[in-house]
């Protein structure tokens, strides 16, 4: 796997999680027509999934999951834990758990950046190729 792909893939996956959470919120949870359809007796089978999604943010479950992932990311110092904290934080942020989601997104993103920066040696970002001499200013 190339270095660029390895660095950008986690951020792209976080964006996909955010898109899925926004689709859930604006496509399934918020529309009044969907609420009326699922409120009536004999609604479609997927209304049970919608009800579980609504109960998830009413009980602040997404926020608690995001805070737990942020704590694990702080303790474990592993890129996967950092990614999970950022992804769950973004999902919680979109799904009405603002405070916990923002905190988990911040912690996860900073830990993920730190893990990705650990791949570089100090000054490697600005170093020119071997054997090249920089002119004096």
Protein backbone atom coordinates (compact mmCIF):
# COMPACT_ATOMS: atom_id res chain seq x y z
CA UNK A 1 0.00 0.00 0.00
CA UNK A 2 1.39 3.38 -0.92
CA UNK A 3 2.20 5.91 1.76
CA UNK A 4 -0.33 8.44 0.49
CA UNK A 5 -3.12 5.89 0.48
CA UNK A 6 -2.18 4.72 3.96
CA UNK A 7 -2.39 8.30 5.25
CA UNK A 8 -5.63 9.30 3.50
CA UNK A 9 -7.67 6.10 3.82
CA UNK A 10 -8.63 6.59 7.51
CA UNK A 11 -9.83 10.14 6.83
CA UNK A 12 -11.84 9.00 3.83
CA UNK A 13 -13.43 6.27 5.96
CA UNK A 14 -14.34 8.86 8.63
CA UNK A 15 -16.00 10.94 5.92
CA UNK A 16 -18.00 7.87 4.83
CA UNK A 17 -19.16 7.30 8.42
CA UNK A 18 -20.23 10.95 8.60
CA UNK A 19 -22.12 10.59 5.32
CA UNK A 20 -23.89 7.47 6.60
CA UNK A 21 -24.86 9.23 9.85
CA UNK A 22 -26.17 12.25 7.94
CA UNK A 23 -28.15 9.97 5.63
CA UNK A 24 -29.66 8.23 8.66
CA UNK A 25 -30.56 11.53 10.29
CA UNK A 26 -31.91 13.46 7.32
CA UNK A 27 -33.30 10.52 5.36
CA UNK A 28 -34.81 8.26 8.01
CA UNK A 29 -35.14 10.01 11.37
CA UNK A 30 -36.18 13.62 10.65
CA UNK A 31 -38.70 13.47 7.78
CA UNK A 32 -42.25 13.84 9.06
CA UNK A 33 -43.57 11.50 6.39
CA UNK A 34 -41.36 8.68 7.66
CA UNK A 35 -42.42 9.38 11.25
CA UNK A 36 -46.10 9.18 10.26
CA UNK A 37 -45.49 6.01 8.26
CA UNK A 38 -43.74 4.33 11.17
CA UNK A 39 -46.20 5.69 13.72
CA UNK A 40 -49.13 3.95 12.13
CA UNK A 41 -49.92 0.36 13.00
CA UNK A 42 -48.59 -2.10 10.49
CA UNK A 43 -45.71 0.07 9.29
CA UNK A 44 -42.87 -1.41 7.26
CA UNK A 45 -40.45 -3.83 8.89
CA UNK A 46 -37.57 -1.35 8.87
CA UNK A 47 -39.44 0.95 11.26
CA UNK A 48 -38.10 -1.12 14.15
CA UNK A 49 -34.57 -0.16 13.08
CA UNK A 50 -35.64 3.50 12.95
CA UNK A 51 -37.06 3.20 16.45
CA UNK A 52 -33.76 1.78 17.73
CA UNK A 53 -31.87 4.65 16.07
CA UNK A 54 -34.16 7.20 17.74
CA UNK A 55 -33.79 5.48 21.12
CA UNK A 56 -30.02 5.59 20.64
CA UNK A 57 -29.88 9.36 20.72
CA UNK A 58 -32.74 9.82 23.20
CA UNK A 59 -30.81 7.73 25.73
CA UNK A 60 -27.53 9.46 24.73
CA UNK A 61 -26.16 6.05 23.71
CA UNK A 62 -24.18 7.44 20.77
CA UNK A 63 -22.55 9.97 23.07
CA UNK A 64 -21.57 7.34 25.61
CA UNK A 65 -20.15 5.11 22.88
CA UNK A 66 -18.13 8.04 21.51
CA UNK A 67 -16.79 8.96 24.96
CA UNK A 68 -15.80 5.35 25.60
CA UNK A 69 -13.97 5.19 22.28
CA UNK A 70 -12.21 8.49 23.07
CA UNK A 71 -11.04 7.12 26.41
CA UNK A 72 -9.77 3.94 24.74
CA UNK A 73 -7.95 6.05 22.12
CA UNK A 74 -6.23 8.06 24.86
CA UNK A 75 -5.17 4.97 26.78
CA UNK A 76 -4.39 2.52 23.97
CA UNK A 77 -2.52 4.92 21.65
CA UNK A 78 -3.35 2.75 18.64
CA UNK A 79 -4.37 4.21 15.25
CA UNK A 80 -7.43 1.96 15.03
CA UNK A 81 -8.68 3.17 18.42
CA UNK A 82 -8.10 6.77 17.33
CA UNK A 83 -10.00 6.17 14.09
CA UNK A 84 -12.89 4.57 15.97
CA UNK A 85 -13.08 7.52 18.38
CA UNK A 86 -13.12 10.02 15.51
CA UNK A 87 -15.72 8.04 13.54
CA UNK A 88 -18.03 7.50 16.52
CA UNK A 89 -17.52 11.11 17.54
CA UNK A 90 -18.59 12.33 14.10
CA UNK A 91 -21.60 10.01 14.12
CA UNK A 92 -22.61 11.16 17.62
CA UNK A 93 -22.15 14.77 16.57
CA UNK A 94 -24.52 14.33 13.64
CA UNK A 95 -26.98 12.22 15.65
CA UNK A 96 -27.80 14.83 18.32
CA UNK A 97 -25.10 14.05 20.93
CA UNK A 98 -23.17 17.27 20.38
CA UNK A 99 -20.91 17.59 23.40
CA UNK A 100 -19.67 14.02 23.61
CA UNK A 101 -19.43 13.75 19.82
CA UNK A 102 -17.34 16.90 19.49
CA UNK A 103 -15.00 15.79 22.26
CA UNK A 104 -14.55 12.29 20.83
CA UNK A 105 -14.04 13.65 17.31
CA UNK A 106 -11.37 16.04 18.57
CA UNK A 107 -9.57 13.40 20.63
CA UNK A 108 -9.77 10.81 17.87
CA UNK A 109 -8.59 13.17 15.15
CA UNK A 110 -5.66 14.43 17.22
CA UNK A 111 -4.62 10.90 18.20
CA UNK A 112 -4.89 9.77 14.58
CA UNK A 113 -2.79 12.71 13.40
CA UNK A 114 -0.24 11.93 16.08
CA UNK A 115 -0.10 8.28 15.04
CA UNK A 116 0.35 9.26 11.41
CA UNK A 117 3.01 11.83 12.28
CA UNK A 118 4.92 9.11 14.15
CA UNK A 119 5.75 7.58 10.77
CA UNK A 120 7.91 10.60 9.94
CA UNK A 121 11.32 11.30 11.38
CA UNK A 122 11.83 14.87 12.59
CA UNK A 123 12.37 17.19 9.67
CA UNK A 124 11.56 14.55 7.06
CA UNK A 125 8.70 16.59 5.67
CA UNK A 126 11.04 19.42 4.65
CA UNK A 127 14.13 17.43 3.75
CA UNK A 128 15.19 17.36 0.13
CA UNK A 129 16.50 14.26 -1.60
CA UNK A 130 19.87 12.74 -0.78
CA UNK A 131 22.90 14.53 -2.18
CA UNK A 132 21.10 17.81 -2.90
CA UNK A 133 22.60 20.92 -1.45
CA UNK A 134 20.38 23.79 -0.44
CA UNK A 135 21.54 27.28 -1.40
CA UNK A 136 22.38 29.75 1.31
CA UNK A 137 19.76 32.47 1.86
